[in-house]
N, C-alpha and C. Protein backbone atom coordinates (compact mmCIF):
# COMPACT_ATOMS: atom_id res chain seq x y z
N MET A 1 -5.06 12.99 -29.76
CA MET A 1 -5.16 14.63 -29.88
C MET A 1 -4.20 15.48 -29.09
N ASP A 2 -4.22 16.50 -29.26
CA ASP A 2 -3.81 17.91 -29.84
C ASP A 2 -3.88 18.30 -28.46
N LYS A 3 -2.14 18.08 -27.37
CA LYS A 3 -2.02 18.37 -25.96
C LYS A 3 -1.33 19.77 -25.62
N LYS A 4 -1.91 20.27 -26.83
CA LYS A 4 -1.46 22.05 -26.66
C LYS A 4 -1.35 23.21 -25.00
N LYS A 5 -1.48 23.76 -25.02
CA LYS A 5 -1.97 25.19 -24.17
C LYS A 5 -2.36 25.86 -24.67
N SER A 6 -4.13 25.89 -24.74
CA SER A 6 -4.70 26.87 -25.69
C SER A 6 -3.94 28.60 -25.11
N LYS A 7 -3.76 29.16 -26.13
CA LYS A 7 -3.06 30.35 -26.44
C LYS A 7 -4.50 31.44 -26.47
N LEU A 8 -4.46 32.95 -25.86
CA LEU A 8 -5.32 33.40 -26.34
C LEU A 8 -3.79 34.72 -26.64
N VAL A 9 -4.32 35.62 -27.37
CA VAL A 9 -3.02 36.79 -27.94
C VAL A 9 -3.30 37.97 -28.42
N GLY A 10 -3.16 39.18 -27.97
CA GLY A 10 -3.86 40.14 -28.50
C GLY A 10 -4.22 41.35 -27.72
N ILE A 11 -4.71 41.19 -26.56
CA ILE A 11 -4.71 41.98 -25.71
C ILE A 11 -3.75 43.05 -25.77
N VAL A 12 -4.66 44.21 -25.59
CA VAL A 12 -3.55 45.52 -25.74
C VAL A 12 -3.51 45.83 -24.15
N ASP A 13 -2.48 46.44 -23.89
CA ASP A 13 -1.71 46.70 -22.37
C ASP A 13 -1.41 48.15 -22.40
N ASP A 14 -2.54 48.90 -21.35
CA ASP A 14 -2.38 50.35 -21.57
C ASP A 14 -0.99 50.62 -21.02
N ASP A 15 -0.66 50.40 -20.29
CA ASP A 15 0.02 50.95 -19.30
C ASP A 15 1.70 50.83 -19.74
N VAL A 16 2.05 50.24 -20.80
CA VAL A 16 3.65 50.03 -20.96
C VAL A 16 3.51 51.61 -22.34
N GLY A 17 3.00 52.34 -22.93
CA GLY A 17 3.14 53.68 -23.05
C GLY A 17 3.23 53.66 -24.70
N THR A 18 4.49 54.42 -25.49
CA THR A 18 4.52 54.57 -26.56
C THR A 18 4.92 53.28 -26.97
N ASN A 19 5.63 52.50 -26.43
CA ASN A 19 6.61 51.30 -27.56
C ASN A 19 5.56 50.30 -28.38
N ASN A 20 5.81 50.37 -29.04
CA ASN A 20 5.10 49.32 -29.94
C ASN A 20 5.26 47.96 -29.95
N ASP A 21 6.52 48.37 -29.48
CA ASP A 21 7.17 46.73 -29.80
C ASP A 21 6.33 45.61 -28.36
N ASN A 22 6.12 46.54 -27.12
CA ASN A 22 5.41 45.85 -26.22
C ASN A 22 4.36 45.99 -26.27
N LYS A 23 3.25 46.55 -27.40
CA LYS A 23 2.00 47.11 -27.46
C LYS A 23 0.81 45.90 -26.78
N PHE A 24 1.28 44.47 -27.58
CA PHE A 24 0.59 43.41 -26.96
C PHE A 24 1.13 42.71 -26.24
N LYS A 25 0.41 41.77 -24.98
CA LYS A 25 0.57 41.41 -23.94
C LYS A 25 0.39 39.67 -24.41
N ASP A 26 1.23 38.82 -24.34
CA ASP A 26 0.67 37.31 -24.16
C ASP A 26 -0.06 36.69 -22.64
N ILE A 27 -1.06 36.38 -23.39
CA ILE A 27 -2.18 35.91 -22.02
C ILE A 27 -2.34 34.31 -22.24
N ARG A 28 -2.08 33.65 -21.54
CA ARG A 28 -2.12 32.05 -21.61
C ARG A 28 -3.69 31.27 -20.79
N ILE A 29 -4.58 31.05 -21.35
CA ILE A 29 -5.51 30.80 -20.65
C ILE A 29 -5.50 29.43 -20.08
N GLU A 30 -5.05 28.46 -19.45
CA GLU A 30 -5.14 27.37 -19.26
C GLU A 30 -6.23 26.78 -17.99
N ARG A 31 -6.81 25.58 -18.70
CA ARG A 31 -8.34 24.93 -17.68
C ARG A 31 -7.66 23.69 -17.45
N THR A 32 -7.75 22.82 -16.31
CA THR A 32 -7.36 22.03 -15.86
C THR A 32 -8.83 21.20 -15.35
N ASP A 33 -8.66 19.55 -15.84
CA ASP A 33 -9.97 19.06 -15.64
C ASP A 33 -9.60 18.37 -14.21
N GLU A 34 -11.07 17.76 -13.52
CA GLU A 34 -10.86 16.64 -12.27
C GLU A 34 -9.39 16.47 -12.09
N PHE A 35 -8.91 15.66 -12.82
CA PHE A 35 -7.71 15.05 -12.52
C PHE A 35 -6.43 16.28 -12.62
N GLY A 36 -6.60 17.36 -13.11
CA GLY A 36 -5.79 18.11 -12.81
C GLY A 36 -4.38 18.35 -14.12
N ARG A 37 -4.38 17.58 -15.39
CA ARG A 37 -4.46 18.07 -16.36
C ARG A 37 -4.63 19.07 -17.05
N ILE A 38 -3.91 19.82 -17.83
CA ILE A 38 -4.39 20.33 -18.74
C ILE A 38 -4.85 20.10 -20.13
N MET A 39 -6.34 20.84 -20.03
CA MET A 39 -7.16 20.24 -21.26
C MET A 39 -6.92 21.21 -22.57
N THR A 40 -7.10 20.36 -23.66
CA THR A 40 -7.17 21.07 -25.30
C THR A 40 -8.16 22.03 -24.90
N PRO A 41 -8.23 22.85 -26.16
CA PRO A 41 -9.52 23.78 -26.48
C PRO A 41 -10.68 22.94 -26.40
N LYS A 42 -10.67 21.93 -26.91
CA LYS A 42 -11.92 21.30 -27.53
C LYS A 42 -12.19 20.53 -25.93
N GLU A 43 -11.57 20.10 -25.20
CA GLU A 43 -12.27 19.72 -23.84
C GLU A 43 -12.56 20.68 -23.48
N ALA A 44 -11.82 21.91 -23.35
CA ALA A 44 -12.16 22.94 -22.85
C ALA A 44 -14.15 23.45 -22.91
N PHE A 45 -13.83 23.51 -24.31
CA PHE A 45 -15.36 24.01 -24.99
C PHE A 45 -16.25 22.84 -24.35
N ARG A 46 -16.18 21.49 -24.67
CA ARG A 46 -16.92 20.68 -24.39
C ARG A 46 -17.23 20.68 -22.74
N MET A 47 -16.39 21.20 -22.00
CA MET A 47 -16.63 21.25 -20.57
C MET A 47 -17.65 22.15 -20.02
N ILE A 48 -17.25 23.52 -20.59
CA ILE A 48 -17.99 24.35 -20.70
C ILE A 48 -19.45 24.72 -21.07
N SER A 49 -19.23 23.93 -22.20
CA SER A 49 -21.14 23.29 -23.12
C SER A 49 -21.65 22.35 -22.01
N HIS A 50 -21.02 21.23 -21.26
CA HIS A 50 -21.95 20.62 -20.26
C HIS A 50 -22.29 21.53 -19.50
N LYS A 51 -21.40 22.06 -18.81
CA LYS A 51 -22.16 22.88 -17.66
C LYS A 51 -23.35 24.18 -18.13
N PHE A 52 -22.80 24.29 -19.16
CA PHE A 52 -23.77 25.55 -19.42
C PHE A 52 -25.02 25.24 -19.65
N HIS A 53 -25.40 23.90 -20.58
CA HIS A 53 -26.83 23.20 -20.68
C HIS A 53 -27.23 22.51 -19.57
N GLY A 54 -26.22 22.63 -18.35
CA GLY A 54 -26.71 21.16 -17.02
C GLY A 54 -26.58 19.86 -17.59
N LYS A 55 -26.02 19.34 -18.48
CA LYS A 55 -26.39 18.22 -18.81
C LYS A 55 -24.42 17.28 -19.00
N GLY A 56 -24.28 16.75 -18.08
CA GLY A 56 -23.01 16.19 -18.11
C GLY A 56 -22.49 15.13 -19.57
N PRO A 57 -21.13 14.58 -19.42
CA PRO A 57 -20.70 13.71 -20.69
C PRO A 57 -21.91 12.79 -20.14
N GLY A 58 -21.61 11.46 -21.28
CA GLY A 58 -22.31 10.69 -21.55
C GLY A 58 -21.28 9.20 -20.35
N LYS A 59 -21.99 8.28 -20.11
CA LYS A 59 -21.50 7.44 -19.17
C LYS A 59 -20.10 6.57 -19.86
N MET A 60 -20.11 5.94 -20.88
CA MET A 60 -19.28 5.59 -21.89
C MET A 60 -18.22 6.69 -21.51
N LYS A 61 -18.79 7.87 -22.38
CA LYS A 61 -17.28 9.15 -22.58
C LYS A 61 -16.23 9.03 -20.74
N GLN A 62 -16.87 9.28 -19.97
CA GLN A 62 -16.76 9.76 -18.61
C GLN A 62 -15.86 8.24 -18.19
N GLU A 63 -15.97 7.26 -18.67
CA GLU A 63 -15.61 6.00 -18.83
C GLU A 63 -14.09 6.10 -19.34
N LYS A 64 -14.45 6.43 -20.87
CA LYS A 64 -13.29 6.76 -21.55
C LYS A 64 -12.33 7.57 -20.77
N ARG A 65 -12.64 8.42 -20.26
CA ARG A 65 -12.08 9.59 -19.82
C ARG A 65 -11.21 9.00 -18.43
N MET A 66 -11.43 7.88 -17.88
CA MET A 66 -11.45 7.80 -16.43
C MET A 66 -10.21 7.05 -16.95
N LYS A 67 -10.42 5.75 -17.82
CA LYS A 67 -9.44 4.69 -18.59
C LYS A 67 -8.09 5.72 -19.48
N GLN A 68 -8.43 6.80 -20.28
CA GLN A 68 -7.79 7.39 -20.45
C GLN A 68 -6.41 7.74 -19.53
N TYR A 69 -6.80 8.18 -18.26
CA TYR A 69 -6.27 8.87 -17.22
C TYR A 69 -5.39 7.63 -16.31
N GLN A 70 -5.72 6.95 -16.58
CA GLN A 70 -5.33 5.22 -15.75
C GLN A 70 -4.07 5.05 -16.56
N GLU A 71 -4.08 5.18 -17.67
CA GLU A 71 -3.41 4.96 -18.74
C GLU A 71 -1.99 5.66 -18.59
N GLU A 72 -2.10 6.91 -18.36
CA GLU A 72 -1.18 7.70 -18.53
C GLU A 72 -0.47 7.58 -16.81
N LEU A 73 -1.21 7.54 -16.38
CA LEU A 73 -0.95 7.48 -14.63
C LEU A 73 0.31 6.08 -15.08
N LYS A 74 -0.02 4.54 -15.46
CA LYS A 74 0.67 3.82 -15.78
C LYS A 74 1.97 4.19 -16.29
N LEU A 75 1.67 5.17 -17.08
CA LEU A 75 3.06 5.15 -18.13
C LEU A 75 4.04 6.08 -17.64
N LYS A 76 3.47 6.87 -16.38
CA LYS A 76 4.40 8.45 -15.42
C LYS A 76 5.08 6.87 -14.35
N GLN A 77 4.16 6.14 -13.82
CA GLN A 77 4.76 5.37 -12.84
C GLN A 77 5.64 4.07 -13.57
N MET A 78 5.92 3.81 -15.00
CA MET A 78 6.63 3.13 -15.19
C MET A 78 7.89 3.45 -14.84
N LYS A 79 9.03 2.40 -14.90
CA LYS A 79 10.17 2.62 -14.50
C LYS A 79 11.26 3.35 -15.56
N ASN A 80 11.83 3.96 -16.19
CA ASN A 80 12.67 4.75 -17.28
C ASN A 80 13.33 3.13 -17.54
N SER A 81 13.83 2.49 -16.66
CA SER A 81 14.43 1.01 -17.27
C SER A 81 13.92 -0.11 -17.72
N ASP A 82 12.23 0.32 -18.14
CA ASP A 82 11.68 -0.66 -18.50
C ASP A 82 11.26 0.35 -20.19
N THR A 83 11.81 0.21 -20.16
CA THR A 83 11.23 1.07 -21.82
C THR A 83 11.07 -0.20 -23.08
N PRO A 84 10.07 0.26 -24.20
CA PRO A 84 10.12 -1.34 -24.90
C PRO A 84 11.41 -1.85 -25.60
N SER A 85 12.43 -0.71 -25.77
CA SER A 85 13.73 -1.67 -26.35
C SER A 85 15.08 -2.58 -25.34
N LEU A 86 14.33 -2.09 -24.38
CA LEU A 86 15.34 -2.44 -23.14
C LEU A 86 14.40 -4.02 -22.80
N SER A 87 13.10 -4.18 -22.84
CA SER A 87 12.08 -5.36 -22.94
C SER A 87 12.73 -6.01 -24.35
N VAL A 88 13.13 -5.48 -25.22
CA VAL A 88 13.36 -6.33 -26.75
C VAL A 88 14.84 -6.94 -26.29
N GLU A 89 15.36 -6.25 -25.57
CA GLU A 89 16.53 -6.74 -25.07
C GLU A 89 16.41 -8.20 -24.25
N ARG A 90 15.65 -7.87 -23.30
CA ARG A 90 14.97 -9.34 -22.46
C ARG A 90 15.20 -10.29 -23.06
N MET A 91 13.76 -10.15 -23.80
CA MET A 91 13.52 -11.00 -24.86
C MET A 91 14.07 -11.73 -25.58
N ARG A 92 15.37 -11.22 -26.43
CA ARG A 92 16.57 -11.32 -26.62
C ARG A 92 17.63 -12.75 -25.83
N GLY A 93 17.95 -12.01 -24.73
CA GLY A 93 18.60 -12.71 -23.47
C GLY A 93 17.92 -13.70 -23.46
N ALA A 94 16.69 -13.76 -23.06
CA ALA A 94 16.09 -15.43 -22.70
C ALA A 94 16.22 -15.75 -23.85
N GLN A 95 15.93 -15.19 -24.83
CA GLN A 95 16.08 -16.50 -26.42
C GLN A 95 17.42 -17.09 -26.30
N ALA A 96 18.72 -16.30 -26.10
CA ALA A 96 19.87 -16.56 -26.78
C ALA A 96 19.66 -17.94 -25.28
N GLN A 97 19.48 -17.79 -24.31
CA GLN A 97 19.66 -18.42 -23.13
C GLN A 97 19.10 -19.96 -23.06
N LEU A 98 17.52 -20.09 -24.27
CA LEU A 98 17.22 -20.98 -24.00
C LEU A 98 17.71 -21.83 -25.68
N LYS A 99 18.60 -20.86 -26.23
CA LYS A 99 18.87 -21.30 -27.84
C LYS A 99 17.86 -22.12 -28.48
N THR A 100 16.91 -20.84 -28.69
CA THR A 100 15.87 -21.12 -29.46
C THR A 100 15.53 -20.59 -30.52
N PRO A 101 15.36 -20.86 -31.65
CA PRO A 101 14.98 -19.54 -32.34
C PRO A 101 13.83 -18.73 -32.41
N TYR A 102 12.66 -18.95 -31.56
CA TYR A 102 11.60 -18.89 -30.79
C TYR A 102 11.72 -18.10 -29.17
N LEU A 103 10.24 -17.77 -28.92
CA LEU A 103 10.38 -17.16 -27.60
C LEU A 103 8.49 -17.61 -27.24
N VAL A 104 8.38 -18.37 -26.09
CA VAL A 104 7.46 -18.54 -25.67
C VAL A 104 6.52 -17.51 -25.37
N LEU A 105 5.64 -16.67 -25.50
CA LEU A 105 5.38 -15.25 -25.30
C LEU A 105 4.29 -15.76 -23.75
N SER A 106 3.06 -17.01 -24.38
CA SER A 106 2.27 -17.03 -23.20
C SER A 106 1.82 -19.07 -23.51
N GLY A 107 1.28 -19.43 -22.47
CA GLY A 107 0.92 -20.71 -22.46
C GLY A 107 1.30 -21.72 -21.47
N HIS A 108 1.50 -22.78 -21.26
CA HIS A 108 2.73 -23.28 -20.49
C HIS A 108 3.44 -24.39 -21.17
N VAL A 109 4.27 -23.64 -21.87
CA VAL A 109 5.26 -24.84 -22.74
C VAL A 109 6.55 -24.81 -22.06
N LYS A 110 7.17 -25.59 -21.49
CA LYS A 110 8.76 -26.16 -20.96
C LYS A 110 9.40 -26.36 -21.86
N PRO A 111 10.74 -26.20 -21.38
CA PRO A 111 12.14 -26.26 -23.18
C PRO A 111 12.07 -27.64 -23.11
N GLY A 112 11.80 -27.76 -24.57
CA GLY A 112 12.16 -29.33 -24.64
C GLY A 112 10.71 -29.44 -25.29
N GLN A 113 9.28 -29.09 -24.98
CA GLN A 113 7.99 -29.58 -25.04
C GLN A 113 7.86 -28.91 -26.58
N THR A 114 7.33 -29.37 -27.32
CA THR A 114 6.85 -29.46 -28.66
C THR A 114 5.53 -28.45 -28.42
N SER A 115 4.28 -28.60 -27.87
CA SER A 115 3.11 -27.93 -27.80
C SER A 115 2.88 -27.88 -26.69
N ASP A 116 1.44 -26.88 -26.59
CA ASP A 116 1.04 -26.79 -25.07
C ASP A 116 -0.74 -26.97 -25.31
N PRO A 117 -1.46 -28.02 -25.04
CA PRO A 117 -2.41 -28.70 -25.47
C PRO A 117 -3.44 -27.49 -25.02
N ARG A 118 -3.17 -26.70 -23.76
CA ARG A 118 -4.52 -25.72 -23.07
C ARG A 118 -4.22 -24.38 -24.07
N SER A 119 -3.64 -24.21 -24.84
CA SER A 119 -3.38 -22.91 -25.37
C SER A 119 -3.40 -23.13 -26.77
N GLY A 120 -3.46 -24.24 -27.04
CA GLY A 120 -3.17 -24.69 -28.70
C GLY A 120 -2.14 -23.92 -29.30
N PHE A 121 -1.00 -23.21 -28.66
CA PHE A 121 0.17 -23.05 -29.17
C PHE A 121 1.16 -23.93 -29.51
N ALA A 122 1.85 -24.07 -30.66
CA ALA A 122 2.90 -25.55 -30.89
C ALA A 122 4.14 -24.82 -31.43
N THR A 123 5.24 -25.02 -31.07
CA THR A 123 6.76 -24.66 -31.37
C THR A 123 6.99 -25.03 -32.15
N VAL A 124 8.54 -24.95 -32.53
CA VAL A 124 9.16 -25.73 -33.45
C VAL A 124 8.71 -27.36 -33.52
N GLU A 125 8.42 -27.86 -34.35
CA GLU A 125 8.43 -29.78 -34.19
C GLU A 125 9.62 -30.45 -34.61
N LYS A 126 10.12 -31.31 -33.94
CA LYS A 126 11.47 -32.21 -34.21
C LYS A 126 10.74 -32.85 -35.08
N ASP A 127 12.00 -33.15 -36.05
CA ASP A 127 11.88 -34.38 -37.04
C ASP A 127 11.95 -35.37 -36.11
N LEU A 128 10.76 -35.81 -36.96
CA LEU A 128 10.60 -37.73 -36.06
C LEU A 128 11.80 -38.90 -37.42
N PRO A 129 12.10 -39.71 -37.23
CA PRO A 129 12.60 -40.73 -37.42
C PRO A 129 11.87 -41.44 -38.58
N GLY A 130 12.12 -41.99 -39.84
CA GLY A 130 10.66 -42.66 -40.33
C GLY A 130 10.53 -41.94 -42.07
N GLY A 131 10.89 -40.88 -41.83
CA GLY A 131 10.16 -40.22 -43.26
C GLY A 131 8.42 -40.08 -42.56
N LEU A 132 7.90 -40.56 -43.86
CA LEU A 132 6.17 -39.78 -43.60
C LEU A 132 5.69 -41.11 -43.35
N THR A 133 6.26 -42.01 -43.05
CA THR A 133 5.87 -42.89 -42.64
C THR A 133 5.06 -42.86 -40.60
N PRO A 134 3.86 -43.11 -41.01
CA PRO A 134 3.56 -42.73 -39.36
C PRO A 134 4.07 -43.67 -38.32
N MET A 135 3.95 -43.91 -37.17
CA MET A 135 4.57 -44.36 -36.11
C MET A 135 3.24 -45.03 -35.61
N LEU A 136 2.91 -46.05 -35.49
CA LEU A 136 1.56 -47.10 -34.48
C LEU A 136 1.96 -47.97 -33.64
N GLY A 137 0.81 -47.89 -32.76
CA GLY A 137 1.08 -49.21 -31.29
C GLY A 137 1.97 -48.81 -30.37
N ASP A 138 2.84 -49.96 -30.34
CA ASP A 138 3.85 -49.37 -29.40
C ASP A 138 4.70 -49.26 -29.37
N LYS A 139 5.19 -49.23 -30.93
CA LYS A 139 6.28 -48.61 -31.08
C LYS A 139 6.41 -47.03 -31.22
N LYS A 140 4.71 -46.16 -31.16
CA LYS A 140 4.91 -44.82 -30.97
C LYS A 140 4.83 -44.58 -29.64
N VAL A 141 4.33 -45.30 -28.40
CA VAL A 141 4.13 -45.34 -27.74
C VAL A 141 5.86 -45.49 -26.64
N GLU A 142 6.37 -46.33 -27.32
CA GLU A 142 7.84 -45.99 -26.10
C GLU A 142 8.46 -44.75 -26.96
N HIS A 143 8.14 -44.80 -28.22
CA HIS A 143 9.23 -43.03 -29.00
C HIS A 143 8.69 -42.25 -28.04
N PHE A 144 7.57 -41.65 -27.88
CA PHE A 144 7.27 -40.18 -27.34
C PHE A 144 7.45 -40.58 -25.76
N LEU A 145 7.28 -41.58 -24.91
CA LEU A 145 7.37 -41.86 -24.03
C LEU A 145 9.10 -41.90 -23.29
N GLY A 146 9.89 -41.76 -23.89
CA GLY A 146 11.26 -42.38 -24.32
C GLY A 146 11.21 -43.58 -23.55
N ILE A 147 10.53 -44.83 -23.40
CA ILE A 147 10.94 -45.80 -22.55
C ILE A 147 11.23 -47.13 -23.81
N LYS A 148 11.33 -48.25 -23.27
CA LYS A 148 11.78 -49.37 -24.09
C LYS A 148 10.99 -50.40 -23.46
N ARG A 149 9.72 -50.86 -23.83
CA ARG A 149 9.22 -52.34 -23.48
C ARG A 149 10.27 -53.42 -24.29
N LYS A 150 10.18 -54.51 -23.19
CA LYS A 150 10.64 -55.73 -23.21
C LYS A 150 9.46 -56.59 -23.91
N PRO A 151 10.27 -57.71 -24.91
CA PRO A 151 8.93 -58.25 -25.51
C PRO A 151 8.40 -58.98 -24.68
N GLU A 152 6.99 -58.87 -25.14
CA GLU A 152 6.17 -60.38 -24.09
C GLU A 152 6.41 -61.35 -24.31
N THR A 153 6.79 -62.28 -22.96
CA THR A 153 7.41 -64.32 -23.15
C THR A 153 6.23 -64.62 -23.81
N GLY A 154 5.10 -64.41 -23.64
CA GLY A 154 4.13 -65.82 -23.89
C GLY A 154 3.66 -65.41 -25.10
N PHE A 155 4.05 -64.61 -25.79
CA PHE A 155 3.98 -64.62 -27.52
C PHE A 155 4.45 -65.96 -28.27
N SER A 156 3.87 -66.47 -29.13
CA SER A 156 3.66 -67.78 -29.48
C SER A 156 4.33 -67.74 -31.07
N GLY A 157 5.01 -66.45 -32.10
CA GLY A 157 5.67 -66.26 -32.64
C GLY A 157 5.14 -66.40 -33.66
N ALA A 158 3.68 -67.31 -34.19
CA ALA A 158 2.60 -67.54 -35.31
C ALA A 158 2.54 -65.88 -35.59
N PRO A 159 2.18 -65.34 -36.85
CA PRO A 159 1.59 -63.93 -37.02
C PRO A 159 -0.14 -64.30 -37.01
N LYS A 160 -0.91 -63.38 -36.99
CA LYS A 160 -2.17 -63.48 -36.34
C LYS A 160 -2.93 -63.28 -37.35
N LYS A 161 -3.84 -64.10 -38.15
CA LYS A 161 -4.89 -64.12 -39.32
C LYS A 161 -5.36 -63.08 -39.88
N PRO A 162 -5.51 -62.66 -40.83
CA PRO A 162 -6.28 -60.96 -41.15
C PRO A 162 -7.49 -61.31 -40.99
N LYS A 163 -8.28 -60.73 -40.72
CA LYS A 163 -10.10 -60.71 -40.62
C LYS A 163 -10.17 -60.04 -41.93
N ILE A 164 -10.94 -61.01 -42.71
CA ILE A 164 -11.56 -60.88 -43.86
C ILE A 164 -13.19 -60.32 -44.09
């Protein structure tokens, strides 16, 4: 929306005399809303129209104006140092500190973790040894938990017969 102050020019000033340069006086009509902001001509017309007809704006419009005012307050109260460009610099600094090509913006992923099951967020996956062959059973458990199991002592050494 255009937030220029409304201007009305062209009122004749009789006290000036014969000097034609100062014949017209500039008059500015500034209307303020309930929050103290200067209204645009469109907003001012709507307010006058609502008063004249005796019907106020709808609930949704009132909520929209309140929300807009709250956003403006947040922007005014935001520190000058908290501009978007400095936020980007802080993100780059965090990225350099973690030494990763990505930055986790949401979720509960810790450094070194490859995914967050709750948010469904996946980071860069590490290449697993063995190519395309999937790891199965104990080998998979040992690899992902980072532990080494001792082979069972009661194992007879004879291979199991496959079921037919």
